Amino acid sequence: TLMFGQRAKTIKNTASVNLELTAE
């Protein structure tokens, strides 16, 4: 479990809003 946590800690998430832009 600790090894899993150590591996999971290295993952970097970049949460952003999914945005669809208009042509303009």
mmCIF file of all heavy atoms, coordinates in Angstrom:
data_MODEL
# 
_entry.id   MODEL 
# 
loop_
_atom_site.group_PDB 
_atom_site.id 
_atom_site.type_symbol 
_atom_site.label_atom_id 
_atom_site.label_alt_id 
_atom_site.label_comp_id 
_atom_site.label_asym_id 
_atom_site.label_entity_id 
_atom_site.label_seq_id 
_atom_site.pdbx_PDB_ins_code 
_atom_site.Cartn_x 
_atom_site.Cartn_y 
_atom_site.Cartn_z 
_atom_site.occupancy 
_atom_site.B_iso_or_equiv 
_atom_site.pdbx_formal_charge 
_atom_site.auth_seq_id 
_atom_site.auth_comp_id 
_atom_site.auth_asym_id 
_atom_site.auth_atom_id 
_atom_site.pdbx_PDB_model_num 
ATOM 1   N N   . THR A 1 1  ? 0.834   -1.206 0.000   1.00 0.00 ? 1  THR A N   1 
ATOM 2   C CA  . THR A 1 1  ? 0.000   0.000  0.000   1.00 0.00 ? 1  THR A CA  1 
ATOM 3   C C   . THR A 1 1  ? 0.865   1.250  0.000   1.00 0.00 ? 1  THR A C   1 
ATOM 4   O O   . THR A 1 1  ? 0.593   2.209  -0.730  1.00 0.00 ? 1  THR A O   1 
ATOM 5   C CB  . THR A 1 1  ? -0.935  0.009  1.229   1.00 0.00 ? 1  THR A CB  1 
ATOM 6   O OG1 . THR A 1 1  ? -1.715  -1.174 1.215   1.00 0.00 ? 1  THR A OG1 1 
ATOM 7   C CG2 . THR A 1 1  ? -1.841  1.210  1.227   1.00 0.00 ? 1  THR A CG2 1 
ATOM 8   N N   . LEU A 1 2  ? 1.924   1.244  0.812   1.00 0.00 ? 2  LEU A N   1 
ATOM 9   C CA  . LEU A 1 2  ? 2.816   2.403  0.857   1.00 0.00 ? 2  LEU A CA  1 
ATOM 10  C C   . LEU A 1 2  ? 3.535   2.604  -0.475  1.00 0.00 ? 2  LEU A C   1 
ATOM 11  O O   . LEU A 1 2  ? 3.733   3.735  -0.926  1.00 0.00 ? 2  LEU A O   1 
ATOM 12  C CB  . LEU A 1 2  ? 3.825   2.258  1.996   1.00 0.00 ? 2  LEU A CB  1 
ATOM 13  C CG  . LEU A 1 2  ? 3.251   2.420  3.399   1.00 0.00 ? 2  LEU A CG  1 
ATOM 14  C CD1 . LEU A 1 2  ? 4.290   2.069  4.448   1.00 0.00 ? 2  LEU A CD1 1 
ATOM 15  C CD2 . LEU A 1 2  ? 2.732   3.835  3.605   1.00 0.00 ? 2  LEU A CD2 1 
ATOM 16  N N   . MET A 1 3  ? 3.935   1.505  -1.118  1.00 0.00 ? 3  MET A N   1 
ATOM 17  C CA  . MET A 1 3  ? 4.587   1.622  -2.424  1.00 0.00 ? 3  MET A CA  1 
ATOM 18  C C   . MET A 1 3  ? 3.613   2.176  -3.462  1.00 0.00 ? 3  MET A C   1 
ATOM 19  O O   . MET A 1 3  ? 3.983   3.010  -4.288  1.00 0.00 ? 3  MET A O   1 
ATOM 20  C CB  . MET A 1 3  ? 5.147   0.275  -2.851  1.00 0.00 ? 3  MET A CB  1 
ATOM 21  C CG  . MET A 1 3  ? 6.351   -0.136 -2.021  1.00 0.00 ? 3  MET A CG  1 
ATOM 22  S SD  . MET A 1 3  ? 6.930   -1.788 -2.360  1.00 0.00 ? 3  MET A SD  1 
ATOM 23  C CE  . MET A 1 3  ? 7.567   -1.592 -3.996  1.00 0.00 ? 3  MET A CE  1 
ATOM 24  N N   . PHE A 1 4  ? 2.350   1.732  -3.395  1.00 0.00 ? 4  PHE A N   1 
ATOM 25  C CA  . PHE A 1 4  ? 1.328   2.275  -4.287  1.00 0.00 ? 4  PHE A CA  1 
ATOM 26  C C   . PHE A 1 4  ? 1.161   3.773  -4.045  1.00 0.00 ? 4  PHE A C   1 
ATOM 27  O O   . PHE A 1 4  ? 1.103   4.561  -4.979  1.00 0.00 ? 4  PHE A O   1 
ATOM 28  C CB  . PHE A 1 4  ? -0.006  1.555  -4.080  1.00 0.00 ? 4  PHE A CB  1 
ATOM 29  C CG  . PHE A 1 4  ? -1.165  2.227  -4.767  1.00 0.00 ? 4  PHE A CG  1 
ATOM 30  C CD1 . PHE A 1 4  ? -1.360  2.077  -6.116  1.00 0.00 ? 4  PHE A CD1 1 
ATOM 31  C CD2 . PHE A 1 4  ? -2.038  3.042  -4.051  1.00 0.00 ? 4  PHE A CD2 1 
ATOM 32  C CE1 . PHE A 1 4  ? -2.412  2.698  -6.755  1.00 0.00 ? 4  PHE A CE1 1 
ATOM 33  C CE2 . PHE A 1 4  ? -3.091  3.667  -4.684  1.00 0.00 ? 4  PHE A CE2 1 
ATOM 34  C CZ  . PHE A 1 4  ? -3.281  3.487  -6.047  1.00 0.00 ? 4  PHE A CZ  1 
ATOM 35  N N   . GLY A 1 5  ? 1.093   4.167  -2.771  1.00 0.00 ? 5  GLY A N   1 
ATOM 36  C CA  . GLY A 1 5  ? 0.943   5.581  -2.437  1.00 0.00 ? 5  GLY A CA  1 
ATOM 37  C C   . GLY A 1 5  ? 2.120   6.400  -2.930  1.00 0.00 ? 5  GLY A C   1 
ATOM 38  O O   . GLY A 1 5  ? 1.953   7.519  -3.423  1.00 0.00 ? 5  GLY A O   1 
ATOM 39  N N   . GLN A 1 6  ? 3.326   5.838  -2.814  1.00 0.00 ? 6  GLN A N   1 
ATOM 40  C CA  . GLN A 1 6  ? 4.513   6.549  -3.278  1.00 0.00 ? 6  GLN A CA  1 
ATOM 41  C C   . GLN A 1 6  ? 4.456   6.746  -4.791  1.00 0.00 ? 6  GLN A C   1 
ATOM 42  O O   . GLN A 1 6  ? 4.774   7.815  -5.304  1.00 0.00 ? 6  GLN A O   1 
ATOM 43  C CB  . GLN A 1 6  ? 5.757   5.751  -2.891  1.00 0.00 ? 6  GLN A CB  1 
ATOM 44  C CG  . GLN A 1 6  ? 7.051   6.482  -3.129  1.00 0.00 ? 6  GLN A CG  1 
ATOM 45  C CD  . GLN A 1 6  ? 8.234   5.689  -2.599  1.00 0.00 ? 6  GLN A CD  1 
ATOM 46  O OE1 . GLN A 1 6  ? 8.120   4.518  -2.263  1.00 0.00 ? 6  GLN A OE1 1 
ATOM 47  N NE2 . GLN A 1 6  ? 9.365   6.335  -2.533  1.00 0.00 ? 6  GLN A NE2 1 
ATOM 48  N N   . ARG A 1 7  ? 4.031   5.704  -5.516  1.00 0.00 ? 7  ARG A N   1 
ATOM 49  C CA  . ARG A 1 7  ? 3.909   5.830  -6.970  1.00 0.00 ? 7  ARG A CA  1 
ATOM 50  C C   . ARG A 1 7  ? 2.814   6.824  -7.335  1.00 0.00 ? 7  ARG A C   1 
ATOM 51  O O   . ARG A 1 7  ? 2.959   7.634  -8.245  1.00 0.00 ? 7  ARG A O   1 
ATOM 52  C CB  . ARG A 1 7  ? 3.595   4.476  -7.595  1.00 0.00 ? 7  ARG A CB  1 
ATOM 53  C CG  . ARG A 1 7  ? 4.801   3.710  -7.992  1.00 0.00 ? 7  ARG A CG  1 
ATOM 54  C CD  . ARG A 1 7  ? 4.556   2.682  -9.080  1.00 0.00 ? 7  ARG A CD  1 
ATOM 55  N NE  . ARG A 1 7  ? 3.208   2.225  -9.251  1.00 0.00 ? 7  ARG A NE  1 
ATOM 56  C CZ  . ARG A 1 7  ? 2.746   1.048  -8.854  1.00 0.00 ? 7  ARG A CZ  1 
ATOM 57  N NH1 . ARG A 1 7  ? 3.527   0.226  -8.216  1.00 0.00 ? 7  ARG A NH1 1 
ATOM 58  N NH2 . ARG A 1 7  ? 1.503   0.714  -9.079  1.00 0.00 ? 7  ARG A NH2 1 
ATOM 59  N N   . ALA A 1 8  ? 1.684   6.749  -6.616  1.00 0.00 ? 8  ALA A N   1 
ATOM 60  C CA  . ALA A 1 8  ? 0.556   7.637  -6.921  1.00 0.00 ? 8  ALA A CA  1 
ATOM 61  C C   . ALA A 1 8  ? 0.920   9.088  -6.645  1.00 0.00 ? 8  ALA A C   1 
ATOM 62  O O   . ALA A 1 8  ? 0.422   9.997  -7.300  1.00 0.00 ? 8  ALA A O   1 
ATOM 63  C CB  . ALA A 1 8  ? -0.669  7.231  -6.111  1.00 0.00 ? 8  ALA A CB  1 
ATOM 64  N N   . LYS A 1 9  ? 1.813   9.317  -5.665  1.00 0.00 ? 9  LYS A N   1 
ATOM 65  C CA  . LYS A 1 9  ? 2.206   10.682 -5.310  1.00 0.00 ? 9  LYS A CA  1 
ATOM 66  C C   . LYS A 1 9  ? 2.978   11.355 -6.437  1.00 0.00 ? 9  LYS A C   1 
ATOM 67  O O   . LYS A 1 9  ? 2.949   12.572 -6.578  1.00 0.00 ? 9  LYS A O   1 
ATOM 68  C CB  . LYS A 1 9  ? 3.090   10.621 -4.059  1.00 0.00 ? 9  LYS A CB  1 
ATOM 69  C CG  . LYS A 1 9  ? 2.958   11.802 -3.145  1.00 0.00 ? 9  LYS A CG  1 
ATOM 70  C CD  . LYS A 1 9  ? 3.586   11.483 -1.820  1.00 0.00 ? 9  LYS A CD  1 
ATOM 71  C CE  . LYS A 1 9  ? 4.870   12.233 -1.688  1.00 0.00 ? 9  LYS A CE  1 
ATOM 72  N NZ  . LYS A 1 9  ? 5.502   12.087 -0.397  1.00 0.00 ? 9  LYS A NZ  1 
ATOM 73  N N   . THR A 1 10 ? 3.650   10.574 -7.274  1.00 0.00 ? 10 THR A N   1 
ATOM 74  C CA  . THR A 1 10 ? 4.443   11.157 -8.359  1.00 0.00 ? 10 THR A CA  1 
ATOM 75  C C   . THR A 1 10 ? 3.579   11.607 -9.534  1.00 0.00 ? 10 THR A C   1 
ATOM 76  O O   . THR A 1 10 ? 4.045   12.343 -10.384 1.00 0.00 ? 10 THR A O   1 
ATOM 77  C CB  . THR A 1 10 ? 5.482   10.147 -8.877  1.00 0.00 ? 10 THR A CB  1 
ATOM 78  O OG1 . THR A 1 10 ? 4.794   9.012  -9.402  1.00 0.00 ? 10 THR A OG1 1 
ATOM 79  C CG2 . THR A 1 10 ? 6.430   9.723  -7.772  1.00 0.00 ? 10 THR A CG2 1 
ATOM 80  N N   . ILE A 1 11 ? 2.315   11.176 -9.562  1.00 0.00 ? 11 ILE A N   1 
ATOM 81  C CA  . ILE A 1 11 ? 1.429   11.546 -10.665 1.00 0.00 ? 11 ILE A CA  1 
ATOM 82  C C   . ILE A 1 11 ? 0.964   12.979 -10.474 1.00 0.00 ? 11 ILE A C   1 
ATOM 83  O O   . ILE A 1 11 ? 0.509   13.353 -9.399  1.00 0.00 ? 11 ILE A O   1 
ATOM 84  C CB  . ILE A 1 11 ? 0.224   10.593 -10.740 1.00 0.00 ? 11 ILE A CB  1 
ATOM 85  C CG1 . ILE A 1 11 ? 0.702   9.172  -11.012 1.00 0.00 ? 11 ILE A CG1 1 
ATOM 86  C CG2 . ILE A 1 11 ? -0.765  11.047 -11.804 1.00 0.00 ? 11 ILE A CG2 1 
ATOM 87  C CD1 . ILE A 1 11 ? -0.377  8.131  -10.848 1.00 0.00 ? 11 ILE A CD1 1 
ATOM 88  N N   . LYS A 1 12 ? 1.097   13.790 -11.501 1.00 0.00 ? 12 LYS A N   1 
ATOM 89  C CA  . LYS A 1 12 ? 0.678   15.190 -11.439 1.00 0.00 ? 12 LYS A CA  1 
ATOM 90  C C   . LYS A 1 12 ? -0.553  15.371 -12.318 1.00 0.00 ? 12 LYS A C   1 
ATOM 91  O O   . LYS A 1 12 ? -0.505  15.150 -13.517 1.00 0.00 ? 12 LYS A O   1 
ATOM 92  C CB  . LYS A 1 12 ? 1.791   16.125 -11.935 1.00 0.00 ? 12 LYS A CB  1 
ATOM 93  C CG  . LYS A 1 12 ? 3.084   16.018 -11.152 1.00 0.00 ? 12 LYS A CG  1 
ATOM 94  C CD  . LYS A 1 12 ? 2.916   16.530 -9.750  1.00 0.00 ? 12 LYS A CD  1 
ATOM 95  C CE  . LYS A 1 12 ? 4.230   16.452 -9.005  1.00 0.00 ? 12 LYS A CE  1 
ATOM 96  N NZ  . LYS A 1 12 ? 4.095   16.191 -7.620  1.00 0.00 ? 12 LYS A NZ  1 
ATOM 97  N N   . ASN A 1 13 ? -1.652  15.740 -11.713 1.00 0.00 ? 13 ASN A N   1 
ATOM 98  C CA  . ASN A 1 13 ? -2.880  16.040 -12.454 1.00 0.00 ? 13 ASN A CA  1 
ATOM 99  C C   . ASN A 1 13 ? -2.950  17.536 -12.705 1.00 0.00 ? 13 ASN A C   1 
ATOM 100 O O   . ASN A 1 13 ? -2.618  18.330 -11.834 1.00 0.00 ? 13 ASN A O   1 
ATOM 101 C CB  . ASN A 1 13 ? -4.112  15.626 -11.653 1.00 0.00 ? 13 ASN A CB  1 
ATOM 102 C CG  . ASN A 1 13 ? -4.323  14.139 -11.646 1.00 0.00 ? 13 ASN A CG  1 
ATOM 103 O OD1 . ASN A 1 13 ? -3.532  13.403 -12.202 1.00 0.00 ? 13 ASN A OD1 1 
ATOM 104 N ND2 . ASN A 1 13 ? -5.388  13.699 -11.009 1.00 0.00 ? 13 ASN A ND2 1 
ATOM 105 N N   . THR A 1 14 ? -3.380  17.903 -13.881 1.00 0.00 ? 14 THR A N   1 
ATOM 106 C CA  . THR A 1 14 ? -3.635  19.309 -14.163 1.00 0.00 ? 14 THR A CA  1 
ATOM 107 C C   . THR A 1 14 ? -5.104  19.424 -14.537 1.00 0.00 ? 14 THR A C   1 
ATOM 108 O O   . THR A 1 14 ? -5.476  19.181 -15.679 1.00 0.00 ? 14 THR A O   1 
ATOM 109 C CB  . THR A 1 14 ? -2.752  19.832 -15.321 1.00 0.00 ? 14 THR A CB  1 
ATOM 110 O OG1 . THR A 1 14 ? -2.890  18.929 -16.431 1.00 0.00 ? 14 THR A OG1 1 
ATOM 111 C CG2 . THR A 1 14 ? -1.302  19.881 -14.918 1.00 0.00 ? 14 THR A CG2 1 
ATOM 112 N N   . ALA A 1 15 ? -5.895  19.736 -13.545 1.00 0.00 ? 15 ALA A N   1 
ATOM 113 C CA  . ALA A 1 15 ? -7.332  19.852 -13.764 1.00 0.00 ? 15 ALA A CA  1 
ATOM 114 C C   . ALA A 1 15 ? -7.630  21.168 -14.463 1.00 0.00 ? 15 ALA A C   1 
ATOM 115 O O   . ALA A 1 15 ? -7.125  22.216 -14.077 1.00 0.00 ? 15 ALA A O   1 
ATOM 116 C CB  . ALA A 1 15 ? -8.066  19.795 -12.435 1.00 0.00 ? 15 ALA A CB  1 
ATOM 117 N N   . SER A 1 16 ? -8.394  21.096 -15.515 1.00 0.00 ? 16 SER A N   1 
ATOM 118 C CA  . SER A 1 16 ? -8.783  22.311 -16.226 1.00 0.00 ? 16 SER A CA  1 
ATOM 119 C C   . SER A 1 16 ? -10.207 22.121 -16.742 1.00 0.00 ? 16 SER A C   1 
ATOM 120 O O   . SER A 1 16 ? -10.674 20.999 -16.919 1.00 0.00 ? 16 SER A O   1 
ATOM 121 C CB  . SER A 1 16 ? -7.830  22.588 -17.392 1.00 0.00 ? 16 SER A CB  1 
ATOM 122 O OG  . SER A 1 16 ? -7.865  21.518 -18.310 1.00 0.00 ? 16 SER A OG  1 
ATOM 123 N N   . VAL A 1 17 ? -10.862 23.234 -16.975 1.00 0.00 ? 17 VAL A N   1 
ATOM 124 C CA  . VAL A 1 17 ? -12.231 23.195 -17.451 1.00 0.00 ? 17 VAL A CA  1 
ATOM 125 C C   . VAL A 1 17 ? -12.212 22.822 -18.929 1.00 0.00 ? 17 VAL A C   1 
ATOM 126 O O   . VAL A 1 17 ? -11.462 23.402 -19.709 1.00 0.00 ? 17 VAL A O   1 
ATOM 127 C CB  . VAL A 1 17 ? -12.906 24.570 -17.265 1.00 0.00 ? 17 VAL A CB  1 
ATOM 128 C CG1 . VAL A 1 17 ? -14.301 24.568 -17.852 1.00 0.00 ? 17 VAL A CG1 1 
ATOM 129 C CG2 . VAL A 1 17 ? -12.940 24.949 -15.810 1.00 0.00 ? 17 VAL A CG2 1 
ATOM 130 N N   . ASN A 1 18 ? -12.990 21.836 -19.298 1.00 0.00 ? 18 ASN A N   1 
ATOM 131 C CA  . ASN A 1 18 ? -13.113 21.488 -20.713 1.00 0.00 ? 18 ASN A CA  1 
ATOM 132 C C   . ASN A 1 18 ? -13.932 22.584 -21.373 1.00 0.00 ? 18 ASN A C   1 
ATOM 133 O O   . ASN A 1 18 ? -15.084 22.804 -21.028 1.00 0.00 ? 18 ASN A O   1 
ATOM 134 C CB  . ASN A 1 18 ? -13.800 20.133 -20.888 1.00 0.00 ? 18 ASN A CB  1 
ATOM 135 C CG  . ASN A 1 18 ? -12.919 19.006 -20.423 1.00 0.00 ? 18 ASN A CG  1 
ATOM 136 O OD1 . ASN A 1 18 ? -11.703 19.150 -20.389 1.00 0.00 ? 18 ASN A OD1 1 
ATOM 137 N ND2 . ASN A 1 18 ? -13.523 17.911 -20.052 1.00 0.00 ? 18 ASN A ND2 1 
ATOM 138 N N   . LEU A 1 19 ? -13.298 23.274 -22.287 1.00 0.00 ? 19 LEU A N   1 
ATOM 139 C CA  . LEU A 1 19 ? -13.912 24.455 -22.861 1.00 0.00 ? 19 LEU A CA  1 
ATOM 140 C C   . LEU A 1 19 ? -13.930 24.328 -24.371 1.00 0.00 ? 19 LEU A C   1 
ATOM 141 O O   . LEU A 1 19 ? -12.904 24.032 -24.978 1.00 0.00 ? 19 LEU A O   1 
ATOM 142 C CB  . LEU A 1 19 ? -13.081 25.683 -22.452 1.00 0.00 ? 19 LEU A CB  1 
ATOM 143 C CG  . LEU A 1 19 ? -13.503 27.026 -22.971 1.00 0.00 ? 19 LEU A CG  1 
ATOM 144 C CD1 . LEU A 1 19 ? -14.833 27.429 -22.343 1.00 0.00 ? 19 LEU A CD1 1 
ATOM 145 C CD2 . LEU A 1 19 ? -12.457 28.058 -22.637 1.00 0.00 ? 19 LEU A CD2 1 
ATOM 146 N N   . GLU A 1 20 ? -15.070 24.513 -24.943 1.00 0.00 ? 20 GLU A N   1 
ATOM 147 C CA  . GLU A 1 20 ? -15.161 24.512 -26.396 1.00 0.00 ? 20 GLU A CA  1 
ATOM 148 C C   . GLU A 1 20 ? -15.345 25.956 -26.846 1.00 0.00 ? 20 GLU A C   1 
ATOM 149 O O   . GLU A 1 20 ? -16.284 26.635 -26.443 1.00 0.00 ? 20 GLU A O   1 
ATOM 150 C CB  . GLU A 1 20 ? -16.318 23.636 -26.858 1.00 0.00 ? 20 GLU A CB  1 
ATOM 151 C CG  . GLU A 1 20 ? -16.076 22.176 -26.532 1.00 0.00 ? 20 GLU A CG  1 
ATOM 152 C CD  . GLU A 1 20 ? -16.878 21.246 -27.403 1.00 0.00 ? 20 GLU A CD  1 
ATOM 153 O OE1 . GLU A 1 20 ? -17.233 21.644 -28.528 1.00 0.00 ? 20 GLU A OE1 1 
ATOM 154 O OE2 . GLU A 1 20 ? -17.138 20.142 -26.946 1.00 0.00 ? 20 GLU A OE2 1 
ATOM 155 N N   . LEU A 1 21 ? -14.405 26.407 -27.668 1.00 0.00 ? 21 LEU A N   1 
ATOM 156 C CA  . LEU A 1 21 ? -14.430 27.798 -28.123 1.00 0.00 ? 21 LEU A CA  1 
ATOM 157 C C   . LEU A 1 21 ? -15.225 27.916 -29.415 1.00 0.00 ? 21 LEU A C   1 
ATOM 158 O O   . LEU A 1 21 ? -15.283 26.982 -30.220 1.00 0.00 ? 21 LEU A O   1 
ATOM 159 C CB  . LEU A 1 21 ? -12.999 28.293 -28.350 1.00 0.00 ? 21 LEU A CB  1 
ATOM 160 C CG  . LEU A 1 21 ? -12.054 28.219 -27.149 1.00 0.00 ? 21 LEU A CG  1 
ATOM 161 C CD1 . LEU A 1 21 ? -10.658 28.667 -27.562 1.00 0.00 ? 21 LEU A CD1 1 
ATOM 162 C CD2 . LEU A 1 21 ? -12.544 29.087 -26.023 1.00 0.00 ? 21 LEU A CD2 1 
ATOM 163 N N   . THR A 1 22 ? -15.783 29.091 -29.625 1.00 0.00 ? 22 THR A N   1 
ATOM 164 C CA  . THR A 1 22 ? -16.474 29.365 -30.876 1.00 0.00 ? 22 THR A CA  1 
ATOM 165 C C   . THR A 1 22 ? -15.440 29.675 -31.943 1.00 0.00 ? 22 THR A C   1 
ATOM 166 O O   . THR A 1 22 ? -14.265 29.899 -31.647 1.00 0.00 ? 22 THR A O   1 
ATOM 167 C CB  . THR A 1 22 ? -17.428 30.570 -30.725 1.00 0.00 ? 22 THR A CB  1 
ATOM 168 O OG1 . THR A 1 22 ? -16.635 31.731 -30.455 1.00 0.00 ? 22 THR A OG1 1 
ATOM 169 C CG2 . THR A 1 22 ? -18.441 30.340 -29.615 1.00 0.00 ? 22 THR A CG2 1 
ATOM 170 N N   . ALA A 1 23 ? -15.870 29.726 -33.182 1.00 0.00 ? 23 ALA A N   1 
ATOM 171 C CA  . ALA A 1 23 ? -14.954 30.010 -34.289 1.00 0.00 ? 23 ALA A CA  1 
ATOM 172 C C   . ALA A 1 23 ? -14.323 31.391 -34.115 1.00 0.00 ? 23 ALA A C   1 
ATOM 173 O O   . ALA A 1 23 ? -13.119 31.576 -34.367 1.00 0.00 ? 23 ALA A O   1 
ATOM 174 C CB  . ALA A 1 23 ? -15.699 29.930 -35.619 1.00 0.00 ? 23 ALA A CB  1 
ATOM 175 N N   . GLU A 1 24 ? -15.097 32.344 -33.646 1.00 0.00 ? 24 GLU A N   1 
ATOM 176 C CA  . GLU A 1 24 ? -14.578 33.703 -33.447 1.00 0.00 ? 24 GLU A CA  1 
ATOM 177 C C   . GLU A 1 24 ? -13.506 33.716 -32.356 1.00 0.00 ? 24 GLU A C   1 
ATOM 178 O O   . GLU A 1 24 ? -12.472 34.375 -32.497 1.00 0.00 ? 24 GLU A O   1 
ATOM 179 C CB  . GLU A 1 24 ? -15.737 34.644 -33.079 1.00 0.00 ? 24 GLU A CB  1 
ATOM 180 C CG  . GLU A 1 24 ? -15.352 36.114 -33.032 1.00 0.00 ? 24 GLU A CG  1 
ATOM 181 C CD  . GLU A 1 24 ? -14.867 36.648 -34.373 1.00 0.00 ? 24 GLU A CD  1 
ATOM 182 O OE1 . GLU A 1 24 ? -15.379 36.220 -35.423 1.00 0.00 ? 24 GLU A OE1 1 
ATOM 183 O OE2 . GLU A 1 24 ? -13.948 37.489 -34.362 1.00 0.00 ? 24 GLU A OE2 1 
# 
